[in-house]
C-alpha atoms as a PDB file:
ATOM      1  CA  MET A   1      41.794 230.567 -73.417  1.00  0.00           C
ATOM      2  CA  THR A   2      39.239 230.681 -76.220  1.00  0.00           C
ATOM      3  CA  ALA A   3      37.804 227.330 -77.336  1.00  0.00           C
ATOM      4  CA  PRO A   4      38.209 226.399 -81.020  1.00  0.00           C
ATOM      5  CA  GLY A   5      35.431 227.957 -83.063  1.00  0.00           C
ATOM      6  CA  ALA A   6      34.080 230.014 -80.166  1.00  0.00           C
ATOM      7  CA  ALA A   7      34.584 233.324 -81.942  1.00  0.00           C
ATOM      8  CA  GLY A   8      32.767 232.135 -85.058  1.00  0.00           C
ATOM      9  CA  ALA A   9      29.998 230.426 -83.096  1.00  0.00           C
ATOM     10  CA  SER A  10      28.506 233.790 -82.173  1.00  0.00           C
ATOM     11  CA  GLY A  11      27.552 234.255 -85.825  1.00  0.00           C
ATOM     12  CA  ILE A  12      25.528 231.036 -86.056  1.00  0.00           C
ATOM     13  CA  GLU A  13      21.884 231.662 -86.953  1.00  0.00           C
ATOM     14  CA  LEU A  14      18.734 229.552 -87.142  1.00  0.00           C
ATOM     15  CA  ARG A  15      19.148 229.279 -90.913  1.00  0.00           C
ATOM     16  CA  HIS A  16      22.395 227.384 -90.309  1.00  0.00           C
ATOM     17  CA  LEU A  17      20.603 224.916 -88.033  1.00  0.00           C
ATOM     18  CA  ARG A  18      17.726 224.452 -90.477  1.00  0.00           C
ATOM     19  CA  ALA A  19      20.156 223.838 -93.339  1.00  0.00           C
ATOM     20  CA  PHE A  20      22.156 221.284 -91.357  1.00  0.00           C
ATOM     21  CA  THR A  21      19.110 219.390 -90.039  1.00  0.00           C
ATOM     22  CA  ALA A  22      17.590 219.251 -93.546  1.00  0.00           C
ATOM     23  CA  VAL A  23      20.769 217.687 -94.967  1.00  0.00           C
ATOM     24  CA  ALA A  24      21.042 215.312 -92.004  1.00  0.00           C
ATOM     25  CA  ARG A  25      17.422 214.210 -92.452  1.00  0.00           C
ATOM     26  CA  CYS A  26      17.580 213.860 -96.249  1.00  0.00           C
ATOM     27  CA  ARG A  27      21.156 212.464 -96.313  1.00  0.00           C
ATOM     28  CA  SER A  28      21.536 214.487 -99.486  1.00  0.00           C
ATOM     29  CA  PHE A  29      22.409 218.091-100.290  1.00  0.00           C
ATOM     30  CA  THR A  30      20.350 217.881-103.476  1.00  0.00           C
ATOM     31  CA  ARG A  31      17.127 216.730-101.793  1.00  0.00           C
ATOM     32  CA  ALA A  32      17.633 219.112 -98.865  1.00  0.00           C
ATOM     33  CA  ALA A  33      18.099 222.043-101.254  1.00  0.00           C
ATOM     34  CA  GLU A  34      14.869 221.121-103.046  1.00  0.00           C
ATOM     35  CA  GLU A  35      13.037 220.949 -99.723  1.00  0.00           C
ATOM     36  CA  LEU A  36      14.346 224.329 -98.591  1.00  0.00           C
ATOM     37  CA  LEU A  37      13.830 225.909-102.022  1.00  0.00           C
ATOM     38  CA  ILE A  38      17.422 227.148-102.273  1.00  0.00           C
ATOM     39  CA  THR A  39      20.267 226.245-104.601  1.00  0.00           C
ATOM     40  CA  GLN A  40      22.632 223.431-103.700  1.00  0.00           C
ATOM     41  CA  PRO A  41      25.717 225.747-103.694  1.00  0.00           C
ATOM     42  CA  ALA A  42      23.938 228.113-101.284  1.00  0.00           C
ATOM     43  CA  LEU A  43      23.053 225.198 -99.015  1.00  0.00           C
ATOM     44  CA  SER A  44      26.628 223.900 -99.096  1.00  0.00           C
ATOM     45  CA  ARG A  45      27.953 227.334 -98.166  1.00  0.00           C
ATOM     46  CA  THR A  46      25.520 227.629 -95.252  1.00  0.00           C
ATOM     47  CA  VAL A  47      26.521 224.238 -93.826  1.00  0.00           C
ATOM     48  CA  ALA A  48      30.201 225.062 -94.345  1.00  0.00           C
ATOM     49  CA  GLN A  49      29.689 228.313 -92.416  1.00  0.00           C
ATOM     50  CA  LEU A  50      28.153 226.332 -89.548  1.00  0.00           C
ATOM     51  CA  GLU A  51      31.064 223.880 -89.454  1.00  0.00           C
ATOM     52  CA  ALA A  52      33.575 226.744 -89.578  1.00  0.00           C
ATOM     53  CA  GLY A  53      31.787 228.546 -86.774  1.00  0.00           C
ATOM     54  CA  LEU A  54      31.777 225.440 -84.596  1.00  0.00           C
ATOM     55  CA  GLY A  55      35.267 224.392 -85.565  1.00  0.00           C
ATOM     56  CA  VAL A  56      34.167 220.790 -86.168  1.00  0.00           C
ATOM     57  CA  ARG A  57      33.145 218.684 -89.149  1.00  0.00           C
ATOM     58  CA  LEU A  58      29.506 217.662 -88.897  1.00  0.00           C
ATOM     59  CA  LEU A  59      29.071 215.810 -92.190  1.00  0.00           C
ATOM     60  CA  GLU A  60      31.163 213.421 -94.230  1.00  0.00           C
ATOM     61  CA  ARG A  61      30.752 213.939 -97.974  1.00  0.00           C
ATOM     62  CA  SER A  62      31.552 211.146-100.391  1.00  0.00           C
ATOM     63  CA  SER A  63      30.501 209.811-103.774  1.00  0.00           C
ATOM     64  CA  ARG A  64      28.111 207.496-101.925  1.00  0.00           C
ATOM     65  CA  GLY A  65      26.265 210.366-100.259  1.00  0.00           C
ATOM     66  CA  VAL A  66      26.296 212.245 -96.967  1.00  0.00           C
ATOM     67  CA  ALA A  67      26.787 210.794 -93.483  1.00  0.00           C
ATOM     68  CA  LEU A  68      26.902 212.316 -90.017  1.00  0.00           C
ATOM     69  CA  THR A  69      30.182 212.378 -88.123  1.00  0.00           C
ATOM     70  CA  ALA A  70      30.116 211.502 -84.422  1.00  0.00           C
ATOM     71  CA  ALA A  71      30.120 215.211 -83.617  1.00  0.00           C
ATOM     72  CA  GLY A  72      27.398 215.766 -86.220  1.00  0.00           C
ATOM     73  CA  ALA A  73      25.135 213.103 -84.723  1.00  0.00           C
ATOM     74  CA  GLU A  74      25.467 214.657 -81.267  1.00  0.00           C
ATOM     75  CA  PHE A  75      24.944 218.172 -82.586  1.00  0.00           C
ATOM     76  CA  LEU A  76      21.857 217.085 -84.547  1.00  0.00           C
ATOM     77  CA  VAL A  77      20.045 216.153 -81.333  1.00  0.00           C
ATOM     78  CA  HIS A  78      20.623 219.604 -79.861  1.00  0.00           C
ATOM     79  CA  ALA A  79      19.906 221.404 -83.127  1.00  0.00           C
ATOM     80  CA  GLU A  80      16.527 219.692 -83.503  1.00  0.00           C
ATOM     81  CA  ARG A  81      15.651 220.495 -79.876  1.00  0.00           C
ATOM     82  CA  THR A  82      16.614 224.113 -80.431  1.00  0.00           C
ATOM     83  CA  LEU A  83      14.493 224.414 -83.578  1.00  0.00           C
ATOM     84  CA  ALA A  84      11.554 222.652 -81.926  1.00  0.00           C
ATOM     85  CA  ALA A  85      11.752 225.000 -78.946  1.00  0.00           C
ATOM     86  CA  PHE A  86      11.944 228.025 -81.236  1.00  0.00           C
ATOM     87  CA  ASP A  87       8.978 226.823 -83.297  1.00  0.00           C
ATOM     88  CA  ALA A  88       7.011 226.150 -80.108  1.00  0.00           C
ATOM     89  CA  ALA A  89       7.775 229.686 -78.896  1.00  0.00           C
ATOM     90  CA  LEU A  90       6.539 231.110 -82.193  1.00  0.00           C
ATOM     91  CA  ALA A  91       3.414 228.968 -82.032  1.00  0.00           C
ATOM     92  CA  ALA A  92       2.700 230.132 -78.486  1.00  0.00           C
ATOM     93  CA  ALA A  93       3.227 233.762 -79.456  1.00  0.00           C
ATOM     94  CA  ARG A  94       0.888 233.356 -82.417  1.00  0.00           C
ATOM     95  CA  GLN A  95      -1.511 231.187 -80.424  1.00  0.00           C
ATOM     96  CA  GLU A  96      -0.953 228.503 -83.041  1.00  0.00           C
ATOM     97  CA  SER A  97      -3.166 225.654 -81.918  1.00  0.00           C
ATOM     98  CA  THR A  98      -4.889 224.625 -85.143  1.00  0.00           C
ATOM     99  CA  LEU A  99      -3.822 223.233 -88.495  1.00  0.00           C
ATOM    100  CA  ARG A 100      -6.062 223.996 -91.468  1.00  0.00           C
ATOM    101  CA  LEU A 101      -6.653 221.016 -93.772  1.00  0.00           C
ATOM    102  CA  GLY A 102      -8.317 221.880 -97.072  1.00  0.00           C
ATOM    103  CA  PHE A 103     -10.245 219.386 -99.213  1.00  0.00           C
ATOM    104  CA  SER A 104     -12.698 219.608-102.082  1.00  0.00           C
ATOM    105  CA  TRP A 105     -14.947 216.627-101.414  1.00  0.00           C
ATOM    106  CA  LEU A 106     -15.184 213.493 -99.228  1.00  0.00           C
ATOM    107  CA  LEU A 107     -12.065 213.079 -97.140  1.00  0.00           C
ATOM    108  CA  PRO A 108     -10.782 209.519 -97.682  1.00  0.00           C
ATOM    109  CA  ASP A 109     -11.751 207.032 -95.016  1.00  0.00           C
ATOM    110  CA  PRO A 110     -10.493 205.656 -92.726  1.00  0.00           C
ATOM    111  CA  TRP A 111      -7.311 207.675 -93.384  1.00  0.00           C
ATOM    112  CA  ALA A 112      -8.761 211.022 -92.319  1.00  0.00           C
ATOM    113  CA  GLN A 113     -10.153 209.742 -89.032  1.00  0.00           C
ATOM    114  CA  ARG A 114      -6.918 207.957 -88.111  1.00  0.00           C
ATOM    115  CA  ALA A 115      -4.563 210.764 -89.160  1.00  0.00           C
ATOM    116  CA  ILE A 116      -6.536 213.514 -87.441  1.00  0.00           C
ATOM    117  CA  ALA A 117      -7.025 211.501 -84.234  1.00  0.00           C
ATOM    118  CA  ARG A 118      -3.315 210.633 -84.031  1.00  0.00           C
ATOM    119  CA  PHE A 119      -2.216 214.224 -84.692  1.00  0.00           C
ATOM    120  CA  GLU A 120      -4.592 215.750 -82.150  1.00  0.00           C
ATOM    121  CA  ARG A 121      -3.705 213.134 -79.527  1.00  0.00           C
ATOM    122  CA  GLU A 122       0.051 213.629 -79.920  1.00  0.00           C
ATOM    123  CA  THR A 123       0.119 217.434 -80.233  1.00  0.00           C
ATOM    124  CA  GLY A 124      -2.878 218.694 -78.302  1.00  0.00           C
ATOM    125  CA  ALA A 125      -3.669 220.854 -81.324  1.00  0.00           C
ATOM    126  CA  GLN A 126      -6.769 220.654 -83.495  1.00  0.00           C
ATOM    127  CA  VAL A 127      -7.349 220.118 -87.204  1.00  0.00           C
ATOM    128  CA  GLU A 128      -9.646 222.689 -88.758  1.00  0.00           C
ATOM    129  CA  LEU A 129     -11.374 221.250 -91.827  1.00  0.00           C
ATOM    130  CA  ALA A 130     -11.920 223.639 -94.721  1.00  0.00           C
ATOM    131  CA  ARG A 131     -14.079 222.552 -97.667  1.00  0.00           C
ATOM    132  CA  CYS A 132     -12.994 224.475-100.765  1.00  0.00           C
ATOM    133  CA  ASP A 133     -13.634 224.067-104.482  1.00  0.00           C
ATOM    134  CA  ASP A 134      -9.918 224.325-105.328  1.00  0.00           C
ATOM    135  CA  PRO A 135      -7.668 223.413-102.354  1.00  0.00           C
ATOM    136  CA  LEU A 136      -4.489 224.251-104.284  1.00  0.00           C
ATOM    137  CA  ASP A 137      -5.739 227.776-104.865  1.00  0.00           C
ATOM    138  CA  ASP A 138      -6.489 228.174-101.144  1.00  0.00           C
ATOM    139  CA  LEU A 139      -3.041 226.794-100.343  1.00  0.00           C
ATOM    140  CA  ASP A 140      -1.462 229.359-102.642  1.00  0.00           C
ATOM    141  CA  ARG A 141      -3.406 232.147-100.921  1.00  0.00           C
ATOM    142  CA  GLN A 142      -2.396 230.715 -97.500  1.00  0.00           C
ATOM    143  CA  GLY A 143      -6.017 230.151 -96.572  1.00  0.00           C
ATOM    144  CA  ILE A 144      -5.060 226.621 -95.511  1.00  0.00           C
ATOM    145  CA  ASP A 145      -1.866 224.964 -94.263  1.00  0.00           C
ATOM    146  CA  VAL A 146      -2.093 221.688 -96.169  1.00  0.00           C
ATOM    147  CA  ALA A 147      -4.346 220.414 -98.963  1.00  0.00           C
ATOM    148  CA  LEU A 148      -5.733 216.946 -99.635  1.00  0.00           C
ATOM    149  CA  VAL A 149      -5.549 216.419-103.404  1.00  0.00           C
ATOM    150  CA  ARG A 150      -6.594 213.457-105.507  1.00  0.00           C
ATOM    151  CA  GLY A 151      -5.348 212.425-108.921  1.00  0.00           C
ATOM    152  CA  ASP A 152      -2.005 213.089-110.563  1.00  0.00           C
ATOM    153  CA  ARG A 153      -2.474 216.560-112.012  1.00  0.00           C
ATOM    154  CA  PRO A 154       0.581 218.879-111.702  1.00  0.00           C
ATOM    155  CA  VAL A 155       0.541 221.068-108.586  1.00  0.00           C
ATOM    156  CA  GLY A 156       3.117 223.697-109.539  1.00  0.00           C
ATOM    157  CA  ALA A 157       6.790 224.202-108.795  1.00  0.00           C
ATOM    158  CA  ALA A 158       6.175 226.077-105.535  1.00  0.00           C
ATOM    159  CA  VAL A 159       4.271 223.168-103.972  1.00  0.00           C
ATOM    160  CA  ARG A 160       5.467 219.784-102.767  1.00  0.00           C
ATOM    161  CA  THR A 161       3.344 216.671-102.343  1.00  0.00           C
ATOM    162  CA  VAL A 162       3.459 213.578-100.179  1.00  0.00           C
ATOM    163  CA  HIS A 163       1.901 210.442-101.658  1.00  0.00           C
ATOM    164  CA  LEU A 164      -0.366 208.664 -99.188  1.00  0.00           C
ATOM    165  CA  TYR A 165      -1.850 205.725-101.126  1.00  0.00           C
ATOM    166  CA  ASP A 166      -3.946 204.929-104.214  1.00  0.00           C
ATOM    167  CA  GLU A 167      -7.704 204.684-104.589  1.00  0.00           C
ATOM    168  CA  ARG A 168      -9.574 202.509-107.077  1.00  0.00           C
ATOM    169  CA  ARG A 169     -11.585 204.297-109.781  1.00  0.00           C
ATOM    170  CA  VAL A 170     -15.230 203.450-110.469  1.00  0.00           C
ATOM    171  CA  ALA A 171     -17.701 204.664-113.070  1.00  0.00           C
ATOM    172  CA  VAL A 172     -20.964 206.396-112.203  1.00  0.00           C
ATOM    173  CA  HIS A 173     -23.901 207.317-114.403  1.00  0.00           C
ATOM    174  CA  ALA A 174     -27.544 208.320-114.228  1.00  0.00           C
ATOM    175  CA  ARG A 175     -29.976 205.456-113.858  1.00  0.00           C
ATOM    176  CA  GLU A 176     -32.338 207.140-116.293  1.00  0.00           C
ATOM    177  CA  ARG A 177     -33.026 210.577-117.698  1.00  0.00           C
ATOM    178  CA  ALA A 178     -36.245 212.484-118.083  1.00  0.00           C
ATOM    179  CA  THR A 179     -37.492 213.050-121.647  1.00  0.00           C
ATOM    180  CA  GLY A 180     -40.509 214.756-123.142  1.00  0.00           C
ATOM    181  CA  GLU A 181     -42.423 211.447-123.227  1.00  0.00           C
ATOM    182  CA  GLY A 182     -41.420 209.962-119.894  1.00  0.00           C
ATOM    183  CA  ARG A 183     -38.104 208.564-118.718  1.00  0.00           C
ATOM    184  CA  ASP A 184     -35.524 206.845-120.870  1.00  0.00           C
ATOM    185  CA  ASP A 185     -31.977 205.518-120.528  1.00  0.00           C
ATOM    186  CA  SER A 186     -29.413 208.228-121.270  1.00  0.00           C
ATOM    187  CA  PRO A 187     -27.625 207.637-124.602  1.00  0.00           C
ATOM    188  CA  ASP A 188     -24.407 208.841-122.920  1.00  0.00           C
ATOM    189  CA  SER A 189     -24.617 206.245-120.149  1.00  0.00           C
ATOM    190  CA  PRO A 190     -24.287 202.456-120.139  1.00  0.00           C
ATOM    191  CA  PRO A 191     -27.603 200.590-120.272  1.00  0.00           C
ATOM    192  CA  GLU A 192     -28.884 199.088-117.019  1.00  0.00           C
ATOM    193  CA  ALA A 193     -27.930 195.603-118.210  1.00  0.00           C
ATOM    194  CA  VAL A 194     -24.217 196.484-118.346  1.00  0.00           C
ATOM    195  CA  ASP A 195     -22.360 195.403-115.203  1.00  0.00           C
ATOM    196  CA  ALA A 196     -18.973 197.093-115.869  1.00  0.00           C
ATOM    197  CA  VAL A 197     -17.329 199.871-117.892  1.00  0.00           C
ATOM    198  CA  ARG A 198     -13.968 199.496-119.665  1.00  0.00           C
ATOM    199  CA  TRP A 199     -11.298 202.217-119.517  1.00  0.00           C
ATOM    200  CA  GLN A 200     -10.201 201.352-123.064  1.00  0.00           C
ATOM    201  CA  ASP A 201     -13.659 202.362-124.339  1.00  0.00           C
ATOM    202  CA  ALA A 202     -13.140 205.949-123.196  1.00  0.00           C
ATOM    203  CA  ARG A 203     -13.419 207.406-126.709  1.00  0.00           C
ATOM    204  CA  GLU A 204     -17.082 206.410-126.711  1.00  0.00           C
ATOM    205  CA  TRP A 205     -17.878 208.354-123.537  1.00  0.00           C
ATOM    206  CA  THR A 206     -19.200 211.798-122.841  1.00  0.00           C
ATOM    207  CA  LEU A 207     -17.191 212.426-119.673  1.00  0.00           C
ATOM    208  CA  VAL A 208     -18.321 214.839-116.966  1.00  0.00           C
ATOM    209  CA  VAL A 209     -15.215 216.573-115.560  1.00  0.00           C
ATOM    210  CA  ASN A 210     -14.672 218.574-112.390  1.00  0.00           C
ATOM    211  CA  THR A 211     -12.078 221.027-113.717  1.00  0.00           C
ATOM    212  CA  ALA A 212     -11.111 222.403-110.287  1.00  0.00           C
ATOM    213  CA  SER A 213     -10.414 219.253-108.285  1.00  0.00           C
ATOM    214  CA  GLY A 214     -11.507 216.224-110.305  1.00  0.00           C
ATOM    215  CA  THR A 215      -9.416 213.075-110.612  1.00  0.00           C
ATOM    216  CA  THR A 216     -10.299 212.136-114.175  1.00  0.00           C
ATOM    217  CA  GLY A 217     -10.218 214.441-117.184  1.00  0.00           C
ATOM    218  CA  PRO A 218      -8.403 215.090-120.471  1.00  0.00           C
ATOM    219  CA  TRP A 219      -5.059 215.067-118.627  1.00  0.00           C
ATOM    220  CA  CYS A 220      -5.458 211.307-118.059  1.00  0.00           C
ATOM    221  CA  TRP A 221      -5.078 210.629-121.798  1.00  0.00           C
ATOM    222  CA  PRO A 222      -2.036 212.667-122.888  1.00  0.00           C
ATOM    223  CA  ASP A 223      -1.966 211.017-126.314  1.00  0.00           C
ATOM    224  CA  GLY A 224      -5.505 212.079-127.170  1.00  0.00           C
ATOM    225  CA  ASP A 225      -7.063 208.639-126.685  1.00  0.00           C
ATOM    226  CA  GLY A 226      -9.612 209.888-124.172  1.00  0.00           C
ATOM    227  CA  PRO A 227     -13.301 210.729-124.574  1.00  0.00           C
ATOM    228  CA  ARG A 228     -14.295 212.742-127.625  1.00  0.00           C
ATOM    229  CA  ARG A 229     -16.834 214.797-125.652  1.00  0.00           C
ATOM    230  CA  TYR A 230     -16.523 216.478-122.260  1.00  0.00           C
ATOM    231  CA  VAL A 231     -18.964 218.284-119.987  1.00  0.00           C
ATOM    232  CA  GLN A 232     -17.071 220.680-117.718  1.00  0.00           C
ATOM    233  CA  THR A 233     -18.131 221.532-114.163  1.00  0.00           C
ATOM    234  CA  ALA A 234     -16.451 223.811-111.622  1.00  0.00           C
ATOM    235  CA  ASN A 235     -16.803 221.819-108.382  1.00  0.00           C
ATOM    236  CA  PHE A 236     -17.872 218.485-106.943  1.00  0.00           C
ATOM    237  CA  ASP A 237     -21.544 219.393-106.401  1.00  0.00           C
ATOM    238  CA  GLU A 238     -21.930 220.533-110.009  1.00  0.00           C
ATOM    239  CA  TRP A 239     -20.182 217.355-111.181  1.00  0.00           C
ATOM    240  CA  LEU A 240     -22.477 215.150-109.100  1.00  0.00           C
ATOM    241  CA  GLU A 241     -25.696 216.746-110.303  1.00  0.00           C
ATOM    242  CA  SER A 242     -24.532 216.818-113.934  1.00  0.00           C
ATOM    243  CA  VAL A 243     -23.914 213.072-113.841  1.00  0.00           C
ATOM    244  CA  ALA A 244     -27.258 212.515-112.079  1.00  0.00           C
ATOM    245  CA  ALA A 245     -28.958 214.561-114.810  1.00  0.00           C
ATOM    246  CA  GLY A 246     -27.631 212.180-117.458  1.00  0.00           C
ATOM    247  CA  ARG A 247     -25.283 214.665-119.112  1.00  0.00           C
ATOM    248  CA  GLY A 248     -22.506 212.054-119.296  1.00  0.00           C
ATOM    249  CA  LEU A 249     -20.446 209.444-117.504  1.00  0.00           C
ATOM    250  CA  GLY A 250     -18.489 210.218-114.341  1.00  0.00           C
ATOM    251  CA  VAL A 251     -15.297 208.574-113.075  1.00  0.00           C
ATOM    252  CA  VAL A 252     -14.492 208.917-109.397  1.00  0.00           C
ATOM    253  CA  PRO A 253     -12.512 207.146-106.624  1.00  0.00           C
ATOM    254  CA  ASP A 254     -14.390 204.300-104.972  1.00  0.00           C
ATOM    255  CA  VAL A 255     -14.852 206.250-101.726  1.00  0.00           C
ATOM    256  CA  ALA A 256     -17.775 207.926-103.516  1.00  0.00           C
ATOM    257  CA  GLU A 257     -19.511 204.587-103.997  1.00  0.00           C
ATOM    258  CA  ARG A 258     -19.332 203.926-100.257  1.00  0.00           C
ATOM    259  CA  ARG A 259     -20.340 207.407 -99.158  1.00  0.00           C
ATOM    260  CA  ILE A 260     -22.702 208.883-101.772  1.00  0.00           C
ATOM    261  CA  HIS A 261     -26.303 207.714-101.692  1.00  0.00           C
ATOM    262  CA  HIS A 262     -28.041 209.430-104.584  1.00  0.00           C
ATOM    263  CA  PRO A 263     -31.208 207.787-105.943  1.00  0.00           C
ATOM    264  CA  ALA A 264     -30.439 208.923-109.499  1.00  0.00           C
ATOM    265  CA  LEU A 265     -26.937 207.424-109.649  1.00  0.00           C
ATOM    266  CA  ARG A 266     -25.622 203.961-110.396  1.00  0.00           C
ATOM    267  CA  PHE A 267     -21.987 202.937-109.724  1.00  0.00           C
ATOM    268  CA  LEU A 268     -20.198 200.361-111.877  1.00  0.00           C
ATOM    269  CA  PRO A 269     -16.752 198.731-111.784  1.00  0.00           C
ATOM    270  CA  LEU A 270     -14.268 200.382-114.156  1.00  0.00           C
ATOM    271  CA  THR A 271     -11.916 197.759-115.574  1.00  0.00           C
ATOM    272  CA  GLY A 272      -8.431 198.611-116.794  1.00  0.00           C
ATOM    273  CA  ALA A 273      -8.374 202.044-115.143  1.00  0.00           C
ATOM    274  CA  PRO A 274      -5.189 203.326-113.500  1.00  0.00           C
ATOM    275  CA  PRO A 275      -5.442 203.968-109.753  1.00  0.00           C
ATOM    276  CA  SER A 276      -6.058 207.474-108.459  1.00  0.00           C
ATOM    277  CA  PRO A 277      -3.324 208.709-106.073  1.00  0.00           C
ATOM    278  CA  VAL A 278      -4.185 210.484-102.834  1.00  0.00           C
ATOM    279  CA  ARG A 279      -1.667 213.185-101.861  1.00  0.00           C
ATOM    280  CA  LEU A 280      -1.069 215.953 -99.373  1.00  0.00           C
ATOM    281  CA  ALA A 281       0.171 219.226-100.845  1.00  0.00           C
ATOM    282  CA  TYR A 282       2.010 221.905 -98.894  1.00  0.00           C
ATOM    283  CA  ARG A 283       4.412 224.771 -99.418  1.00  0.00           C
ATOM    284  CA  PRO A 284       7.986 223.662 -98.605  1.00  0.00           C
ATOM    285  CA  GLU A 285       8.873 226.828 -96.724  1.00  0.00           C
ATOM    286  CA  ALA A 286       5.970 226.209 -94.342  1.00  0.00           C
ATOM    287  CA  THR A 287       7.574 223.036 -92.945  1.00  0.00           C
ATOM    288  CA  THR A 288      10.608 225.003 -91.784  1.00  0.00           C
ATOM    289  CA  GLY A 289       8.443 227.283 -89.658  1.00  0.00           C
ATOM    290  CA  SER A 290       5.647 225.036 -88.438  1.00  0.00           C
ATOM    291  CA  THR A 291       6.162 222.144 -86.073  1.00  0.00           C
ATOM    292  CA  LEU A 292       2.453 221.390 -86.384  1.00  0.00           C
ATOM    293  CA  LEU A 293       2.659 220.874 -90.142  1.00  0.00           C
ATOM    294  CA  ARG A 294       5.615 218.501 -89.834  1.00  0.00           C
ATOM    295  CA  ARG A 295       3.815 216.568 -87.100  1.00  0.00           C
ATOM    296  CA  PHE A 296       0.678 216.329 -89.240  1.00  0.00           C
ATOM    297  CA  LEU A 297       2.635 214.996 -92.209  1.00  0.00           C
ATOM    298  CA  ASP A 298       4.124 212.324 -89.931  1.00  0.00           C
ATOM    299  CA  ALA A 299       0.686 211.340 -88.603  1.00  0.00           C
ATOM    300  CA  ALA A 300      -0.739 211.320 -92.144  1.00  0.00           C
ATOM    301  CA  LEU A 301       1.936 208.945 -93.424  1.00  0.00           C
ATOM    302  CA  GLU A 302       1.486 206.614 -90.448  1.00  0.00           C
ATOM    303  CA  ALA A 303      -2.258 206.443 -91.105  1.00  0.00           C
ATOM    304  CA  ALA A 304      -1.675 206.013 -94.843  1.00  0.00           C
ATOM    305  CA  ALA A 305       0.523 202.953 -94.305  1.00  0.00           C
ATOM    306  CA  THR A 306      -2.364 201.236 -92.534  1.00  0.00           C
ATOM    307  CA  CYS A 307      -4.852 202.267 -95.210  1.00  0.00           C
ATOM    308  CA  ALA A 308      -2.595 201.068 -98.018  1.00  0.00           C
ATOM    309  CA  HIS A 309      -2.399 197.595 -96.481  1.00  0.00           C
ATOM    310  CA  ALA A 310      -6.189 197.546 -96.153  1.00  0.00           C
ATOM    311  CA  HIS A 311      -6.646 198.539 -99.825  1.00  0.00           C
ATOM    312  CA  GLU A 312      -4.185 195.860-100.954  1.00  0.00           C
ATOM    313  CA  ALA A 313      -6.080 193.262 -98.944  1.00  0.00           C
END
């Protein structure tokens, strides 16, 4: 006697398992479809094919959302083990033992140390750090697996982001600038007597902007209320030296104040400024084929929760 669904079960493929586990994890066909970069009707058809092949209902659909049936909950355990084993086999065949993390300047602390240590301890793999002027460009070219990005600039429709936590913005300017008759305070920088800079005074600034990976630029003032003058730079090193040369004011997350020791720079509190988000960017299709990437995202979020509490304190 043939068991119910046995004939159809031979046609079940890994794409069916990935579709089902995505819906089970997201508890939503809409969110799962976005994650897998397919349409919701296509996802629904794939899950329906799986249920037809097995001869059982795995998911209960209702106006309140999606829930696992008893059979679905049991099948999910085996499906995840199957996918994990398949991904591990691929990783072994490809000798996949590293994850490439791209960043443009100063990995946030202590998040980076905690996330990397947790990931390497739990997986036995290593994180390969890649300093690049534009991490999103390297991600697009598949030079890295995941990118650390700061600020809230758009990343493109083909990329997804995970928010880790927010950093506080500070202002930075040159202590003084060389002139033909000696050294003088820069007219584009606050005088030494000033002990803070106000975000609402932005129209008075000449703002030095890192156009590739900076956190603060014209995009922060969509209504045109931002600085009237900008000095554009192409990477963090150019930005740093342009500010030090007195070409304008810089705005940067407070990690720079703790980590950069430049004799020509002075950091000041920046009142009224919105926080600067810290995010991880990745290509959605990569998470379906890389156990390492999914494990790193988990470790990153765990470390971020600790860092967020520390920042709030």
